[in-house]
Protein backbone atom coordinates (compact mmCIF):
# COMPACT_ATOMS: atom_id res chain seq x y z
CA MET A 1 -60.40 -5.60 12.60
CA THR A 2 -58.51 -2.32 12.85
CA ASP A 3 -61.53 -0.32 11.66
CA ILE A 4 -62.98 -0.53 15.17
CA ILE A 5 -62.35 2.77 16.94
CA THR A 6 -60.93 2.44 20.45
CA SER A 7 -59.85 5.19 22.82
CA SER A 8 -56.96 3.37 24.52
CA LEU A 9 -55.08 0.09 24.70
CA ARG A 10 -57.42 -1.03 27.48
CA ASP A 11 -60.41 -0.90 25.14
CA LEU A 12 -59.05 -3.37 22.60
CA ALA A 13 -60.97 -6.60 22.06
CA PHE A 14 -58.14 -9.12 22.12
CA SER A 15 -58.38 -12.32 20.13
CA THR A 16 -58.05 -15.53 22.13
CA SER A 17 -57.51 -17.73 19.08
CA THR A 18 -54.14 -19.37 18.57
CA VAL A 19 -52.39 -17.54 15.76
CA PRO A 20 -48.95 -18.71 14.59
CA VAL A 21 -46.62 -15.73 14.24
CA LEU A 22 -43.81 -15.72 11.69
CA ASP A 23 -41.63 -12.82 10.58
CA GLU A 24 -40.53 -12.39 6.96
CA LEU A 25 -36.85 -13.18 7.58
CA ALA A 26 -37.58 -16.40 9.46
CA ALA A 27 -40.06 -17.35 6.74
CA LEU A 28 -37.27 -17.52 4.14
CA ASP A 29 -35.90 -20.67 5.77
CA ALA A 30 -39.26 -22.39 5.33
CA LEU A 31 -39.05 -21.83 1.57
CA LEU A 32 -36.17 -24.28 1.13
CA PRO A 33 -37.33 -27.52 -0.52
CA GLU A 34 -36.70 -30.82 1.22
CA ILE A 35 -34.09 -32.24 -1.12
CA PRO A 36 -30.81 -33.85 0.02
CA ASP A 37 -28.35 -31.89 -2.12
CA GLU A 38 -27.48 -28.64 -0.32
CA MET A 39 -26.46 -26.77 -3.45
CA GLU A 40 -29.68 -27.70 -5.28
CA ARG A 41 -31.71 -26.79 -2.19
CA ASN A 42 -30.24 -23.27 -1.98
CA ALA A 43 -30.48 -22.78 -5.73
CA ALA A 44 -34.20 -23.58 -5.59
CA LEU A 45 -34.75 -20.78 -3.07
CA LEU A 46 -34.61 -18.08 -5.75
CA GLU A 47 -37.67 -19.54 -7.46
CA ARG A 48 -39.63 -19.56 -4.21
CA LEU A 49 -38.96 -16.07 -2.87
CA PRO A 50 -42.00 -13.87 -2.10
CA SER A 51 -42.95 -10.92 -4.26
CA LEU A 52 -41.65 -7.58 -3.05
CA LEU A 53 -45.15 -6.13 -3.12
CA ASP A 54 -46.37 -8.83 -0.72
CA LEU A 55 -43.43 -8.07 1.57
CA ARG A 56 -44.21 -4.38 1.32
CA GLY A 57 -47.90 -4.88 2.07
CA ARG A 58 -47.31 -6.85 5.25
CA ALA A 59 -44.49 -4.57 6.44
CA LEU A 60 -46.67 -1.52 5.87
CA GLY A 61 -49.52 -3.19 7.75
CA HIS A 62 -47.29 -3.86 10.74
CA ALA A 63 -45.86 -0.34 10.66
CA ARG A 64 -49.39 1.07 10.73
CA GLU A 65 -50.34 -1.22 13.61
CA TYR A 66 -47.26 -0.03 15.50
CA GLU A 67 -48.25 3.59 14.88
CA ARG A 68 -51.72 2.71 16.13
CA PHE A 69 -50.15 1.19 19.24
CA LEU A 70 -48.20 4.39 19.93
CA ALA A 71 -51.28 6.56 19.40
CA LEU A 72 -53.37 4.51 21.83
CA ALA A 73 -50.54 4.40 24.38
CA GLU A 74 -50.27 8.18 24.25
CA VAL A 75 -53.95 8.50 25.18
CA ASP A 76 -53.53 6.23 28.24
CA PRO A 77 -49.83 5.86 29.18
CA SER A 78 -50.77 3.80 32.26
CA ALA A 79 -51.78 0.93 29.96
CA LEU A 80 -48.42 0.91 28.18
CA GLU A 81 -46.64 -1.34 30.66
CA ASP A 82 -49.14 -4.16 30.14
CA ARG A 83 -48.86 -4.05 26.34
CA VAL A 84 -45.28 -2.91 25.66
CA ILE A 85 -44.35 -6.43 24.52
CA THR A 86 -47.06 -6.22 21.86
CA GLY A 87 -45.46 -3.04 20.58
CA ASN A 88 -42.02 -4.65 20.54
CA ALA A 89 -43.36 -7.61 18.56
CA LEU A 90 -45.00 -5.34 15.98
CA ALA A 91 -41.79 -3.32 15.68
CA ILE A 92 -39.74 -6.45 14.92
CA LEU A 93 -42.32 -7.66 12.40
CA ALA A 94 -42.37 -4.28 10.63
CA HIS A 95 -38.59 -3.97 10.47
CA ALA A 96 -38.16 -7.61 9.41
CA GLY A 97 -40.53 -6.97 6.51
CA GLU A 98 -38.75 -3.79 5.45
CA ILE A 99 -35.36 -5.50 5.63
CA ALA A 100 -36.66 -8.51 3.68
CA MET A 101 -37.89 -6.20 0.93
CA LEU A 102 -34.32 -4.94 0.46
CA LEU A 103 -32.74 -8.38 0.89
CA VAL A 104 -34.93 -10.31 -1.56
CA PRO A 105 -33.95 -9.68 -5.20
CA SER A 106 -36.42 -8.52 -7.81
CA GLY A 107 -38.04 -11.29 -9.82
CA SER A 108 -40.58 -9.47 -11.96
CA PRO A 109 -41.43 -6.06 -13.49
CA GLU A 110 -43.74 -5.47 -10.50
CA ASP A 111 -40.79 -6.10 -8.18
CA ASP A 112 -38.70 -3.62 -10.17
CA PHE A 113 -41.49 -1.08 -9.76
CA ALA A 114 -41.71 -1.77 -6.00
CA GLN A 115 -37.97 -1.22 -5.62
CA ALA A 116 -38.14 2.04 -7.56
CA MET A 117 -41.08 3.22 -5.46
CA LEU A 118 -39.24 2.33 -2.26
CA ALA A 119 -36.11 4.20 -3.34
CA LYS A 120 -38.24 7.24 -4.19
CA GLU A 121 -40.12 7.04 -0.88
CA ARG A 122 -36.94 6.73 1.19
CA ALA A 123 -35.24 9.58 -0.69
CA ARG A 124 -38.18 11.82 0.14
CA GLN A 125 -38.36 10.61 3.74
CA TYR A 126 -34.66 10.94 4.55
CA GLY A 127 -34.37 14.15 2.56
CA ALA A 128 -36.94 15.64 4.93
CA GLY A 129 -34.97 14.43 7.94
CA SER A 130 -37.69 12.01 9.07
CA GLY A 131 -35.82 8.75 8.53
CA VAL A 132 -35.68 6.14 11.29
CA HIS A 133 -32.15 4.88 10.64
CA ALA A 134 -28.84 6.59 9.94
CA PRO A 135 -29.06 8.17 6.45
CA GLU A 136 -25.76 6.65 5.31
CA LEU A 137 -26.98 3.16 6.25
CA MET A 138 -30.19 3.59 4.28
CA THR A 139 -28.21 4.90 1.29
CA ARG A 140 -26.06 1.77 1.36
CA ALA A 141 -29.05 -0.52 1.86
CA LEU A 142 -30.84 0.99 -1.13
CA ARG A 143 -27.95 0.15 -3.46
CA ALA A 144 -29.68 -3.20 -4.01
CA THR A 145 -32.46 -1.33 -5.83
CA VAL A 146 -30.04 0.30 -8.29
CA ARG A 147 -29.14 -1.83 -11.30
CA PRO A 148 -27.96 -0.96 -14.81
CA GLY A 149 -31.06 -0.41 -16.89
CA GLY A 150 -33.28 -0.64 -13.81
CA LEU A 151 -36.48 1.32 -13.38
CA ARG A 152 -36.17 4.86 -12.00
CA LEU A 153 -38.99 7.03 -10.72
CA ALA A 154 -38.42 10.75 -10.30
CA THR A 155 -40.26 12.67 -7.62
CA GLY A 156 -43.67 13.63 -8.96
CA ALA A 157 -43.42 11.18 -11.85
CA ARG A 158 -46.55 9.41 -13.03
CA VAL A 159 -47.10 5.74 -12.40
CA PRO A 160 -45.99 3.80 -15.49
CA VAL A 161 -48.74 2.33 -17.63
CA GLY A 162 -49.62 -1.16 -16.46
CA MET A 163 -48.39 -0.56 -12.91
CA GLU A 164 -51.55 1.01 -11.51
CA MET A 165 -52.44 -2.05 -9.40
CA ALA A 166 -48.83 -2.40 -8.27
CA ALA A 167 -48.93 1.21 -7.10
CA ARG A 168 -52.08 0.54 -5.10
CA ARG A 169 -50.46 -2.51 -3.52
CA PHE A 170 -47.34 -0.51 -2.67
CA ARG A 171 -49.47 2.13 -0.94
CA GLY A 172 -51.28 -0.55 1.05
CA GLU A 173 -54.63 0.04 -0.62
CA VAL A 174 -54.75 -3.61 -1.73
CA LEU A 175 -53.44 -6.05 0.88
CA PRO A 176 -51.56 -9.29 0.16
CA ALA A 177 -53.75 -12.36 -0.12
CA ARG A 178 -53.61 -14.83 2.76
CA GLN A 179 -51.87 -18.11 1.98
CA GLU A 180 -54.32 -20.98 1.69
CA ASN A 181 -52.43 -23.28 4.08
CA GLY A 182 -52.10 -20.50 6.66
CA THR A 183 -48.48 -21.40 7.49
CA GLY A 184 -46.74 -18.42 5.91
CA PRO A 185 -46.36 -14.83 7.10
CA ARG A 186 -49.50 -12.74 7.53
CA THR A 187 -50.39 -9.30 8.80
CA TYR A 188 -50.94 -9.21 12.54
CA HIS A 189 -52.93 -6.63 14.49
CA LEU A 190 -52.97 -5.19 17.98
CA GLU A 191 -55.91 -7.44 18.70
CA ASP A 192 -53.54 -10.40 18.25
CA ALA A 193 -51.66 -9.21 21.34
CA PHE A 194 -51.67 -12.56 23.16
CA ALA A 195 -50.21 -14.40 20.17
CA LEU A 196 -47.69 -11.61 19.52
CA GLU A 197 -46.55 -11.58 23.13
CA ALA A 198 -46.15 -15.36 23.19
CA TRP A 199 -44.06 -15.16 19.99
CA PHE A 200 -41.89 -12.37 21.41
CA ALA A 201 -41.33 -14.34 24.62
CA ALA A 202 -40.11 -17.36 22.61
CA ALA A 203 -37.21 -15.50 21.03
CA PRO A 204 -34.91 -17.41 18.66
CA ASP A 205 -31.52 -18.59 19.87
CA LEU A 206 -29.20 -15.86 18.59
CA VAL A 207 -26.08 -18.00 18.99
CA THR A 208 -27.63 -20.73 16.85
CA LEU A 209 -28.61 -18.22 14.16
CA LEU A 210 -25.03 -16.94 14.06
CA GLU A 211 -23.67 -20.48 13.76
CA GLU A 212 -26.11 -21.28 10.96
CA SER A 213 -25.07 -18.17 9.05
CA ARG A 214 -21.41 -19.13 9.38
CA ALA A 215 -22.23 -22.61 8.08
CA LEU A 216 -23.87 -21.07 5.02
CA PHE A 217 -20.83 -18.87 4.39
CA ALA A 218 -18.63 -21.97 4.66
CA SER A 219 -20.79 -23.75 2.11
CA ILE A 220 -20.52 -20.82 -0.29
CA GLU A 221 -16.74 -20.95 -0.02
CA ALA A 222 -16.74 -24.74 -0.43
CA TRP A 223 -18.67 -24.57 -3.69
CA SER A 224 -15.58 -23.79 -5.73
CA GLU A 225 -16.23 -22.25 -9.10
CA PRO A 226 -16.31 -24.86 -11.87
CA GLU A 227 -14.61 -24.26 -15.21
CA GLU A 228 -17.97 -23.50 -16.79
CA PRO A 229 -20.30 -22.27 -14.02
CA ALA A 230 -23.93 -23.21 -14.59
CA PRO A 231 -26.80 -20.90 -13.64
CA SER A 232 -27.59 -23.28 -10.77
CA TRP A 233 -24.13 -22.65 -9.27
CA TYR A 234 -24.71 -18.90 -9.20
CA ALA A 235 -28.24 -19.44 -7.86
CA ALA A 236 -27.02 -21.67 -5.03
CA ARG A 237 -24.43 -19.15 -3.90
CA ARG A 238 -26.93 -16.30 -4.07
CA GLY A 239 -29.63 -18.25 -2.25
CA ALA A 240 -27.24 -19.23 0.53
CA LEU A 241 -26.03 -15.63 0.84
CA ILE A 242 -29.61 -14.36 1.20
CA LEU A 243 -30.35 -16.92 3.91
CA ALA A 244 -27.11 -16.18 5.76
CA TYR A 245 -27.81 -12.45 5.86
CA ALA A 246 -31.44 -13.05 6.84
CA LYS A 247 -30.16 -14.96 9.88
CA LEU A 248 -27.65 -12.20 10.73
CA CYS A 249 -30.42 -9.62 10.50
CA ARG A 250 -32.54 -11.70 12.89
CA VAL A 251 -29.65 -11.71 15.37
CA GLY A 252 -29.59 -7.95 15.06
CA LEU A 253 -33.35 -7.36 15.37
CA TRP A 254 -34.01 -9.35 18.54
CA PRO A 255 -32.94 -7.58 21.75
CA ALA A 256 -30.29 -9.35 23.82
CA ARG A 257 -31.56 -11.11 26.93
CA SER A 258 -28.29 -12.68 28.07
CA SER A 259 -24.54 -12.25 27.87
CA ASN A 260 -24.47 -14.98 25.19
CA ASP A 261 -26.88 -12.90 23.09
CA LEU A 262 -24.64 -9.86 23.45
CA ILE A 263 -21.58 -11.87 22.48
CA ALA A 264 -23.43 -13.16 19.40
CA LYS A 265 -24.34 -9.61 18.39
CA MET A 266 -20.75 -8.43 18.77
CA ALA A 267 -19.60 -11.42 16.71
CA VAL A 268 -22.07 -10.41 13.98
CA GLU A 269 -20.59 -6.90 13.91
CA ARG A 270 -17.12 -8.35 13.48
CA LEU A 271 -18.29 -10.83 10.85
CA ILE A 272 -19.85 -8.25 8.54
CA SER A 273 -16.81 -5.98 8.87
CA GLU A 274 -14.58 -8.89 7.82
CA ARG A 275 -16.79 -9.86 4.84
CA ALA A 276 -15.92 -6.75 2.84
CA ALA A 277 -16.46 -8.58 -0.48
CA ASP A 278 -20.15 -9.16 0.25
CA PRO A 279 -22.72 -6.69 -1.12
CA HIS A 280 -22.63 -3.40 0.77
CA SER A 281 -26.42 -3.34 0.81
CA MET A 282 -26.63 -6.63 2.71
CA ARG A 283 -24.05 -5.57 5.27
CA ALA A 284 -25.94 -2.29 5.77
CA LEU A 285 -29.15 -4.21 6.46
CA VAL A 286 -27.44 -6.10 9.29
CA GLU A 287 -26.25 -2.79 10.78
CA ILE A 288 -29.81 -1.45 10.55
CA ALA A 289 -31.13 -4.57 12.29
CA LEU A 290 -28.54 -4.27 15.07
CA GLY A 291 -29.65 -0.69 15.65
CA VAL A 292 -33.29 -1.75 16.00
CA GLY A 293 -32.44 -4.48 18.52
CA ARG A 294 -30.26 -2.05 20.44
CA ARG A 295 -33.09 0.48 20.72
CA ILE A 296 -35.52 -2.14 22.03
CA ALA A 297 -32.95 -3.40 24.56
CA ARG A 298 -32.64 0.09 26.05
CA GLN A 299 -36.07 -0.43 27.60
CA GLY A 300 -34.25 -2.28 30.35
CA PRO A 301 -34.83 -5.71 31.93
CA PRO A 302 -35.30 -8.39 30.79
CA PHE A 303 -33.02 -7.03 28.08
CA VAL A 304 -29.31 -6.42 28.55
CA THR A 305 -27.00 -3.92 26.88
CA HIS A 306 -23.72 -4.40 28.77
CA ILE A 307 -21.33 -7.24 29.39
CA SER A 308 -18.35 -6.87 31.71
CA GLY A 309 -18.62 -3.10 31.44
CA VAL A 310 -18.67 -3.16 27.63
CA ALA A 311 -21.76 -1.60 26.04
CA LEU A 312 -23.17 -3.05 22.85
């Protein structure tokens, strides 16, 4: 679809088909099995998480579509106003995928390789001063990729034997396969503008997301450590923590459209500052997400950035 050369946003052939849009962070909720026991349900999440290379592939695809959007808008700035929402939707999708890749733990040697490649890529990018976020935030977020005995890739190092296909997938040369049922995340294109704009207009309730994250934190605290903790106990706590931070990141990513949204965002900032015992990498991801939402909100109405004279 994106191989078709167009000279501006006005020349795009927009799809009129109904395409369900789902970002990677929201998709994590859908992975929970329908079983009554909450602890078992959250423990099962770890076995259902997506591969990091799939997350990378879709995030890279959305980042490239966003770059394509900017390039076409530069050619014909007068068309930008009509399609700015499409750009905002692609930006949220791209950032949600990148955040998910750092939030979801490694579950295979290919995931280890993807994390090492990402750490190497970000070190090069931020070392050159071309990073999107604050360097200290990215440094903290990348701590999740550093584990004792974990894979390390030095700049200029060769791809390890057996990881050639993984390297191609990381570079976006081989795209993730579409899910057979079509209900999971996929890569969206500029031509999906109508579906993207409808999705962006139906923003999630940020207050509800905050309340759901607090409920997950309460559950984690309620699952007191048994005398002999089973692997399922650790898995349940970790699964719930991943979901809670995915919801906080979604609060951060979406621009505020009301005073209630702004209050929710400020509450998220306070919450992550109070939860000092949680992984630094997760807390950094929420700060990154808040920065993205703040930048989008600066476009002006319908977004808001102030409440009672206090700027977010």
